[in-house]
Amino acid sequence: MRTYRDLFRTPEFTPFFAGTALSVAATTVAGLALGTLVHSATGSPLLSALAMFGPSLAQLVGAATLLSAADRLRPRAAMTGLPLIFATATVVQAIPAVPIWVIFAVLAAEGLIASVGGGVRYGLLTEILTKDGYLLGRSVLNMAVGTLQICGYALGGVLVALLSPQGALLVAALLYVTAAAVTRLGLTDRPPRATGRPSAAATWRFNARLWSSSPRRHVYLALWVPNGLVVGCESLFVSYDPEHAGLLFSFAALGMLAGDTIAGRFLPPRWRERLGAPLRLLLAAPYLLFFLEPGLPAALAAVTLASVGFSASLLLQEHLMRLTPDELSGQALGLHSSGLLALQGIGALLAGTVAELTTPAVAMTAMALASVAVTLALAPGLRGRAPAPAAG
């Protein structure tokens, strides 16, 4: 499967794509609205960063206790129910004068539930597409994320200005409901991929099996840590430049879209191994410019260039699938998704804390330096990777 036409001719991929895209749009609009709402109420870079990315911290708990459900739930039911839960949570956050602690309590619950959602979604993708189509399909989803983040952050900024943060949250809730309807009507009701009851014990057992392989460990760490630290930089956009935060997020999404398009559709297999490490370095290096507190044009150029480096994760995910047995594909991808989001939350927490003590510009520089250091430290374990059989 090498063309977009082949991809969208695949039964069920179009409703899968549409439902995912609508959920991303909802999350984007809601995130910017919550970040703005909390920053206006508290003036805190740390709390505004956590309002946008803090729910990811709860994914650590979910990854340790709930992740076995990713292969044991009926995919259509799960992908319909989760957006409805998020829609309800978003309406609660939109209640006027809702206490800040309630907003964060709801965000924590959302993060915990979402830890299962990534595994369900991307595990289903491996059923809808053949293995040779996974990279192209995942790249198209990432491109959709990039496009919808561009549009979503722009729309979110307009909605916040025209309506209010609460009004923008209600629009996000409507998008979640639409995503649930598209999924329910467009997908086939499949059985779970694995048998048995989901439990914390099963989650631990299969996570340990996934983590026991040294090649998989290196891939997971390379997927999680440099990315999470750079998202810490992004979490400070609101406090770095409150008036143009939506524009900074949109240009970052534009860079991610460009990188995923090139890596997913045009990069030949022989170049994927060679460009993985440079792309991971590109992800962080441009943020070093923020030490000079650049003006808006230079800041936009830096975040756009850096976000091209997010495409390195596509190449690592493809290899992760070659290293993973089919019956664990949902949990393996769920562990990737939950670990990635958890590290993004930790990155936001670290960046916000450093910004509280220094400035947003200094904090962004520190996070970029840490990301570069981790990428260089992991490089020896990722060199010369050969495809391995899908065994435990």
Protein backbone atom coordinates (compact mmCIF):
# COMPACT_ATOMS: atom_id res chain seq x y z
CA MET A 1 0.00 0.00 0.00
CA ARG A 2 1.89 3.03 -1.26
CA THR A 3 -0.66 5.68 -2.29
CA TYR A 4 -3.26 7.77 -0.49
CA ARG A 5 -5.85 6.49 -2.95
CA ASP A 6 -5.17 2.90 -1.87
CA LEU A 7 -5.42 3.97 1.74
CA PHE A 8 -8.80 5.68 1.50
CA ARG A 9 -10.18 2.84 -0.63
CA THR A 10 -9.57 0.51 2.31
CA PRO A 11 -12.92 -0.30 3.97
CA GLU A 12 -13.51 1.62 7.22
CA PHE A 13 -10.37 3.75 7.03
CA THR A 14 -12.35 6.87 6.08
CA PRO A 15 -14.73 6.82 9.10
CA PHE A 16 -11.80 5.83 11.33
CA PHE A 17 -9.86 8.82 9.99
CA ALA A 18 -12.83 11.19 10.35
CA GLY A 19 -13.62 10.17 13.91
CA THR A 20 -9.98 10.53 14.95
CA ALA A 21 -9.70 13.91 13.24
CA LEU A 22 -12.79 15.30 14.97
CA SER A 23 -11.49 14.15 18.36
CA VAL A 24 -8.14 15.84 17.70
CA ALA A 25 -9.90 19.07 16.72
CA ALA A 26 -11.94 18.94 19.92
CA THR A 27 -8.87 18.31 22.08
CA THR A 28 -6.98 21.17 20.41
CA VAL A 29 -9.73 23.75 20.85
CA ALA A 30 -10.35 22.65 24.43
CA GLY A 31 -6.64 22.70 25.31
CA LEU A 32 -6.09 26.27 24.14
CA ALA A 33 -9.29 27.42 25.85
CA LEU A 34 -8.28 25.80 29.16
CA GLY A 35 -4.74 27.15 28.97
CA THR A 36 -6.09 30.65 28.39
CA LEU A 37 -8.73 30.29 31.10
CA VAL A 38 -6.27 29.12 33.74
CA HIS A 39 -3.60 31.68 32.78
CA SER A 40 -6.15 34.50 33.02
CA ALA A 41 -7.32 33.29 36.42
CA THR A 42 -3.91 32.59 37.97
CA GLY A 43 -1.18 34.27 35.89
CA SER A 44 0.93 31.14 36.46
CA PRO A 45 3.07 29.69 33.64
CA LEU A 46 3.14 26.37 35.50
CA LEU A 47 -0.63 26.06 35.90
CA SER A 48 -1.38 27.20 32.34
CA ALA A 49 1.11 24.62 31.01
CA LEU A 50 -0.45 21.89 33.14
CA ALA A 51 -3.95 22.90 32.01
CA MET A 52 -2.93 22.07 28.43
CA PHE A 53 -0.64 19.10 28.95
CA GLY A 54 -1.07 18.03 32.58
CA PRO A 55 -3.74 15.35 31.89
CA SER A 56 -0.96 13.37 30.26
CA LEU A 57 0.53 12.78 33.72
CA ALA A 58 -2.50 10.68 34.60
CA GLN A 59 -1.58 8.42 31.70
CA LEU A 60 1.19 7.01 33.91
CA VAL A 61 -1.44 5.59 36.24
CA GLY A 62 -3.58 4.38 33.35
CA ALA A 63 -0.63 2.74 31.60
CA ALA A 64 0.14 0.82 34.77
CA THR A 65 -3.40 -0.30 35.61
CA LEU A 66 -5.83 -0.05 32.68
CA LEU A 67 -3.82 -0.66 29.51
CA SER A 68 -4.67 -4.36 29.19
CA ALA A 69 -8.20 -3.20 28.30
CA ALA A 70 -6.89 -1.87 24.97
CA ASP A 71 -6.95 -5.37 23.45
CA ARG A 72 -9.95 -6.61 25.46
CA LEU A 73 -12.63 -4.02 24.62
CA ARG A 74 -14.81 -4.01 21.54
CA PRO A 75 -13.08 -1.29 19.46
CA ARG A 76 -16.20 0.42 18.09
CA ALA A 77 -17.87 0.62 21.49
CA ALA A 78 -14.73 2.05 23.08
CA MET A 79 -14.13 4.57 20.31
CA THR A 80 -17.74 5.72 20.55
CA GLY A 81 -17.92 5.91 24.33
CA LEU A 82 -14.66 7.75 24.98
CA PRO A 83 -15.55 10.93 23.01
CA LEU A 84 -18.91 11.06 24.80
CA ILE A 85 -17.13 10.93 28.16
CA PHE A 86 -14.77 13.71 27.05
CA ALA A 87 -17.70 15.78 25.80
CA THR A 88 -19.34 15.55 29.22
CA ALA A 89 -16.10 16.47 30.99
CA THR A 90 -15.60 19.48 28.70
CA VAL A 91 -19.11 20.77 29.46
CA VAL A 92 -18.32 20.56 33.19
CA GLN A 93 -15.15 22.62 32.66
CA ALA A 94 -17.18 25.23 30.76
CA ILE A 95 -19.46 25.97 33.73
CA PRO A 96 -18.99 29.67 34.65
CA ALA A 97 -16.88 30.30 37.76
CA VAL A 98 -15.99 26.63 38.10
CA PRO A 99 -13.13 26.36 40.66
CA ILE A 100 -9.65 25.77 39.26
CA TRP A 101 -9.27 22.62 41.35
CA VAL A 102 -12.38 21.16 39.68
CA ILE A 103 -10.88 21.84 36.24
CA PHE A 104 -7.72 19.96 37.19
CA ALA A 105 -9.63 17.09 38.80
CA VAL A 106 -11.62 16.62 35.60
CA LEU A 107 -8.42 16.83 33.53
CA ALA A 108 -6.84 14.09 35.66
CA ALA A 109 -9.85 11.83 35.12
CA GLU A 110 -9.72 12.49 31.37
CA GLY A 111 -6.05 11.57 31.25
CA LEU A 112 -6.65 8.33 33.12
CA ILE A 113 -9.42 7.26 30.73
CA ALA A 114 -7.49 8.40 27.66
CA SER A 115 -4.67 5.98 28.49
CA VAL A 116 -6.84 3.19 27.07
CA GLY A 117 -8.01 5.20 24.06
CA GLY A 118 -4.67 5.33 22.25
CA GLY A 119 -4.22 1.57 22.43
CA VAL A 120 -7.76 0.91 21.22
CA ARG A 121 -7.44 3.36 18.33
CA TYR A 122 -4.05 2.33 16.99
CA GLY A 123 -4.63 -1.34 17.66
CA LEU A 124 -7.75 -1.06 15.47
CA LEU A 125 -5.66 0.63 12.80
CA THR A 126 -3.49 -2.49 12.57
CA GLU A 127 -6.68 -4.48 11.87
CA ILE A 128 -8.08 -2.08 9.27
CA LEU A 129 -4.76 -1.85 7.41
CA THR A 130 -2.20 -4.46 6.46
CA LYS A 131 1.18 -4.21 8.17
CA ASP A 132 2.79 -2.78 5.04
CA GLY A 133 0.19 0.00 5.10
CA TYR A 134 0.66 0.96 8.75
CA LEU A 135 3.35 3.60 8.20
CA LEU A 136 1.36 5.34 5.47
CA GLY A 137 -1.86 5.17 7.49
CA ARG A 138 -0.17 6.44 10.66
CA SER A 139 1.49 9.25 8.71
CA VAL A 140 -1.88 10.32 7.29
CA LEU A 141 -3.31 10.40 10.81
CA ASN A 142 -0.34 12.47 11.97
CA MET A 143 -0.85 14.79 9.01
CA ALA A 144 -4.47 15.15 10.05
CA VAL A 145 -3.32 15.97 13.58
CA GLY A 146 -0.98 18.62 12.19
CA THR A 147 -3.62 20.13 9.93
CA LEU A 148 -6.31 20.09 12.59
CA GLN A 149 -3.96 21.57 15.17
CA ILE A 150 -3.23 24.42 12.76
CA CYS A 151 -6.94 24.93 12.24
CA GLY A 152 -7.88 24.04 15.82
CA TYR A 153 -5.51 26.46 17.49
CA ALA A 154 -6.51 29.18 15.03
CA LEU A 155 -10.19 28.39 15.60
CA GLY A 156 -9.62 28.16 19.34
CA GLY A 157 -8.00 31.59 19.38
CA VAL A 158 -10.90 33.08 17.43
CA LEU A 159 -13.49 31.37 19.64
CA VAL A 160 -11.77 32.51 22.83
CA ALA A 161 -11.68 36.09 21.51
CA LEU A 162 -15.23 36.15 20.12
CA LEU A 163 -17.05 34.02 22.69
CA SER A 164 -14.91 33.30 25.76
CA PRO A 165 -12.85 30.33 26.92
CA GLN A 166 -16.11 28.77 28.15
CA GLY A 167 -17.74 29.23 24.75
CA ALA A 168 -14.77 27.60 23.05
CA LEU A 169 -15.08 24.63 25.43
CA LEU A 170 -18.72 24.12 24.44
CA VAL A 171 -17.71 24.04 20.76
CA ALA A 172 -15.09 21.41 21.64
CA ALA A 173 -17.77 19.33 23.39
CA LEU A 174 -19.90 19.44 20.22
CA LEU A 175 -16.92 18.21 18.18
CA TYR A 176 -16.50 15.26 20.56
CA VAL A 177 -20.16 14.29 20.14
CA THR A 178 -19.79 14.44 16.35
CA ALA A 179 -16.72 12.19 16.52
CA ALA A 180 -18.70 9.62 18.52
CA ALA A 181 -21.52 9.65 15.95
CA VAL A 182 -19.14 9.18 12.99
CA THR A 183 -17.41 6.27 14.71
CA ARG A 184 -20.64 4.56 15.71
CA LEU A 185 -22.12 4.77 12.21
CA GLY A 186 -18.97 4.09 10.18
CA LEU A 187 -17.12 1.23 11.88
CA THR A 188 -17.88 -2.47 12.06
CA ASP A 189 -18.52 -3.99 15.47
CA ARG A 190 -15.42 -6.17 15.89
CA PRO A 191 -14.68 -8.53 18.76
CA PRO A 192 -11.79 -7.78 21.14
CA ARG A 193 -8.31 -8.71 19.91
CA ALA A 194 -7.54 -10.70 23.06
CA THR A 195 -9.51 -12.78 25.51
CA GLY A 196 -9.67 -12.56 29.27
CA ARG A 197 -10.65 -9.84 31.67
CA PRO A 198 -8.68 -6.59 31.71
CA SER A 199 -6.93 -6.06 35.01
CA ALA A 200 -4.01 -4.30 36.61
CA ALA A 201 -2.21 -7.65 36.90
CA ALA A 202 -2.63 -8.37 33.18
CA THR A 203 -1.48 -4.83 32.36
CA TRP A 204 1.67 -5.26 34.43
CA ARG A 205 2.37 -8.72 33.00
CA PHE A 206 2.17 -7.67 29.35
CA ASN A 207 3.93 -4.35 29.93
CA ALA A 208 6.79 -6.32 31.52
CA ARG A 209 6.86 -8.60 28.48
CA LEU A 210 7.04 -5.62 26.14
CA TRP A 211 9.71 -3.91 28.25
CA SER A 212 11.83 -7.07 28.60
CA SER A 213 13.18 -6.73 25.06
CA SER A 214 16.22 -4.43 24.90
CA PRO A 215 15.51 -3.29 21.30
CA ARG A 216 11.94 -2.36 22.27
CA ARG A 217 13.17 -0.52 25.37
CA HIS A 218 15.45 1.69 23.30
CA VAL A 219 12.67 2.40 20.82
CA TYR A 220 10.23 3.32 23.59
CA LEU A 221 12.70 5.65 25.28
CA ALA A 222 13.53 7.34 21.97
CA LEU A 223 9.81 7.77 21.28
CA TRP A 224 9.00 9.18 24.72
CA VAL A 225 11.74 11.28 26.26
CA PRO A 226 13.07 13.70 23.60
CA ASN A 227 9.51 14.32 22.39
CA GLY A 228 8.20 14.94 25.92
CA LEU A 229 10.92 17.46 26.70
CA VAL A 230 10.20 19.42 23.52
CA VAL A 231 6.49 19.46 24.29
CA GLY A 232 7.60 21.10 27.54
CA CYS A 233 8.89 23.94 25.35
CA GLU A 234 5.53 24.13 23.57
CA SER A 235 3.65 24.22 26.87
CA LEU A 236 5.20 27.64 27.55
CA PHE A 237 3.91 29.32 24.39
CA VAL A 238 1.03 30.92 26.30
CA SER A 239 3.30 32.41 28.96
CA TYR A 240 6.06 33.32 26.44
CA ASP A 241 3.72 35.29 24.18
CA PRO A 242 0.08 35.29 25.35
CA GLU A 243 -1.16 37.33 22.40
CA HIS A 244 0.35 35.05 19.74
CA ALA A 245 0.28 31.64 21.46
CA GLY A 246 -2.31 30.31 19.01
CA LEU A 247 -0.07 31.36 16.10
CA LEU A 248 2.96 29.64 17.64
CA PHE A 249 0.98 26.43 18.11
CA SER A 250 -0.32 26.64 14.54
CA PHE A 251 3.16 27.02 13.04
CA ALA A 252 4.44 24.15 15.18
CA ALA A 253 1.62 22.01 13.80
CA LEU A 254 2.52 23.13 10.26
CA GLY A 255 6.08 21.87 10.75
CA MET A 256 4.79 18.54 12.07
CA LEU A 257 2.49 18.23 9.07
CA ALA A 258 5.37 18.82 6.65
CA GLY A 259 7.61 16.30 8.39
CA ASP A 260 4.97 13.58 8.52
CA THR A 261 4.08 14.10 4.87
CA ILE A 262 7.68 13.66 3.78
CA ALA A 263 8.45 10.71 6.09
CA GLY A 264 5.21 8.85 5.50
CA ARG A 265 4.82 9.24 1.77
CA PHE A 266 8.10 10.21 0.11
CA LEU A 267 11.00 8.95 2.22
CA PRO A 268 12.47 5.74 0.70
CA PRO A 269 13.03 2.85 3.12
CA ARG A 270 16.82 3.04 2.73
CA TRP A 271 16.81 6.59 4.07
CA ARG A 272 14.63 5.96 7.11
CA GLU A 273 17.41 4.46 9.23
CA ARG A 274 19.87 7.18 8.21
CA LEU A 275 17.59 10.13 8.95
CA GLY A 276 16.12 8.94 12.25
CA ALA A 277 18.84 10.40 14.50
CA PRO A 278 19.15 13.74 12.63
CA LEU A 279 15.37 14.19 12.82
CA ARG A 280 15.41 13.56 16.58
CA LEU A 281 18.10 16.22 16.98
CA LEU A 282 16.19 18.63 14.74
CA LEU A 283 13.23 18.27 17.09
CA ALA A 284 15.04 20.16 19.87
CA ALA A 285 17.92 22.17 18.40
CA PRO A 286 15.93 25.17 17.03
CA TYR A 287 14.47 25.83 20.50
CA LEU A 288 17.97 26.81 21.67
CA LEU A 289 17.30 30.11 19.86
CA PHE A 290 14.80 31.04 22.57
CA PHE A 291 17.68 31.81 24.94
CA LEU A 292 17.90 35.09 22.97
CA GLU A 293 14.15 35.74 23.44
CA PRO A 294 13.51 36.12 19.69
CA GLY A 295 10.70 38.20 18.26
CA LEU A 296 7.65 36.63 16.68
CA PRO A 297 9.01 36.01 13.12
CA ALA A 298 12.14 34.21 14.34
CA ALA A 299 10.17 32.29 16.98
CA LEU A 300 7.69 31.10 14.35
CA ALA A 301 10.53 29.95 12.09
CA ALA A 302 12.22 28.07 14.95
CA VAL A 303 9.12 26.19 16.12
CA THR A 304 8.18 25.28 12.52
CA LEU A 305 11.61 23.85 11.77
CA ALA A 306 11.78 21.99 15.07
CA SER A 307 8.39 20.35 14.58
CA VAL A 308 9.55 18.70 11.35
CA GLY A 309 11.57 16.50 13.72
CA PHE A 310 8.42 14.93 15.17
CA SER A 311 8.37 12.74 12.05
CA ALA A 312 11.16 10.68 13.63
CA SER A 313 8.49 9.02 15.75
CA LEU A 314 6.85 7.55 12.63
CA LEU A 315 10.04 5.71 11.75
CA LEU A 316 10.39 4.41 15.30
CA GLN A 317 6.74 3.26 15.44
CA GLU A 318 7.19 1.27 12.25
CA HIS A 319 10.11 -0.54 13.80
CA LEU A 320 8.21 -1.09 17.05
CA MET A 321 5.53 -2.94 15.10
CA ARG A 322 8.16 -5.21 13.57
CA LEU A 323 9.38 -6.05 17.07
CA THR A 324 5.94 -6.77 18.55
CA PRO A 325 3.71 -9.88 18.28
CA ASP A 326 0.29 -9.26 16.76
CA GLU A 327 -1.68 -10.15 19.88
CA LEU A 328 0.12 -7.38 21.79
CA SER A 329 -0.13 -4.71 19.09
CA GLY A 330 -2.87 -2.76 20.86
CA GLN A 331 -1.12 -2.75 24.22
CA ALA A 332 2.27 -2.01 22.60
CA LEU A 333 0.84 1.02 20.80
CA GLY A 334 -1.14 1.96 23.88
CA LEU A 335 2.05 1.84 25.96
CA HIS A 336 3.72 4.03 23.37
CA SER A 337 0.80 6.49 23.36
CA SER A 338 0.40 6.59 27.15
CA GLY A 339 4.13 6.80 27.80
CA LEU A 340 4.49 9.57 25.22
CA LEU A 341 1.65 11.60 26.68
CA ALA A 342 2.88 10.99 30.22
CA LEU A 343 6.34 12.26 29.30
CA GLN A 344 4.73 15.26 27.62
CA GLY A 345 2.93 16.00 30.88
CA ILE A 346 6.19 15.61 32.82
CA GLY A 347 7.86 17.89 30.27
CA ALA A 348 5.16 20.52 30.82
CA LEU A 349 5.55 20.18 34.60
CA LEU A 350 9.34 20.56 34.43
CA ALA A 351 9.18 23.44 31.96
CA GLY A 352 6.54 25.26 33.97
CA THR A 353 8.52 24.83 37.18
CA VAL A 354 11.73 26.18 35.61
CA ALA A 355 9.76 29.07 34.09
CA GLU A 356 8.34 29.95 37.51
CA LEU A 357 11.90 30.22 38.86
CA THR A 358 13.44 31.92 35.81
CA THR A 359 11.64 32.97 32.61
CA PRO A 360 9.76 31.05 29.89
CA ALA A 361 12.64 31.66 27.46
CA VAL A 362 15.24 30.20 29.82
CA ALA A 363 13.01 27.22 30.56
CA MET A 364 12.49 26.48 26.85
CA THR A 365 16.25 26.58 26.29
CA ALA A 366 16.87 24.20 29.21
CA MET A 367 14.30 21.70 27.93
CA ALA A 368 15.81 21.79 24.44
CA LEU A 369 19.29 21.12 25.83
CA ALA A 370 17.97 18.18 27.84
CA SER A 371 16.25 16.73 24.74
CA VAL A 372 19.45 16.94 22.70
CA ALA A 373 21.41 15.26 25.51
CA VAL A 374 18.93 12.37 25.78
CA THR A 375 18.91 11.84 22.00
CA LEU A 376 22.71 11.62 21.94
CA ALA A 377 22.73 9.23 24.91
CA LEU A 378 20.23 6.87 23.26
CA ALA A 379 21.90 6.91 19.84
CA PRO A 380 24.26 3.92 20.42
CA GLY A 381 21.36 1.61 21.33
CA LEU A 382 19.46 2.55 18.17
CA ARG A 383 22.28 2.11 15.67
CA GLY A 384 22.24 -0.78 13.28
CA ARG A 385 18.80 -1.98 14.23
CA ALA A 386 17.77 -4.97 12.15
CA PRO A 387 14.18 -6.07 11.76
CA ALA A 388 13.34 -8.70 14.33
CA PRO A 389 10.62 -11.30 14.28
CA ALA A 390 7.41 -10.39 16.05
CA ALA A 391 8.11 -12.43 19.16
CA GLY A 392 7.75 -11.65 22.83
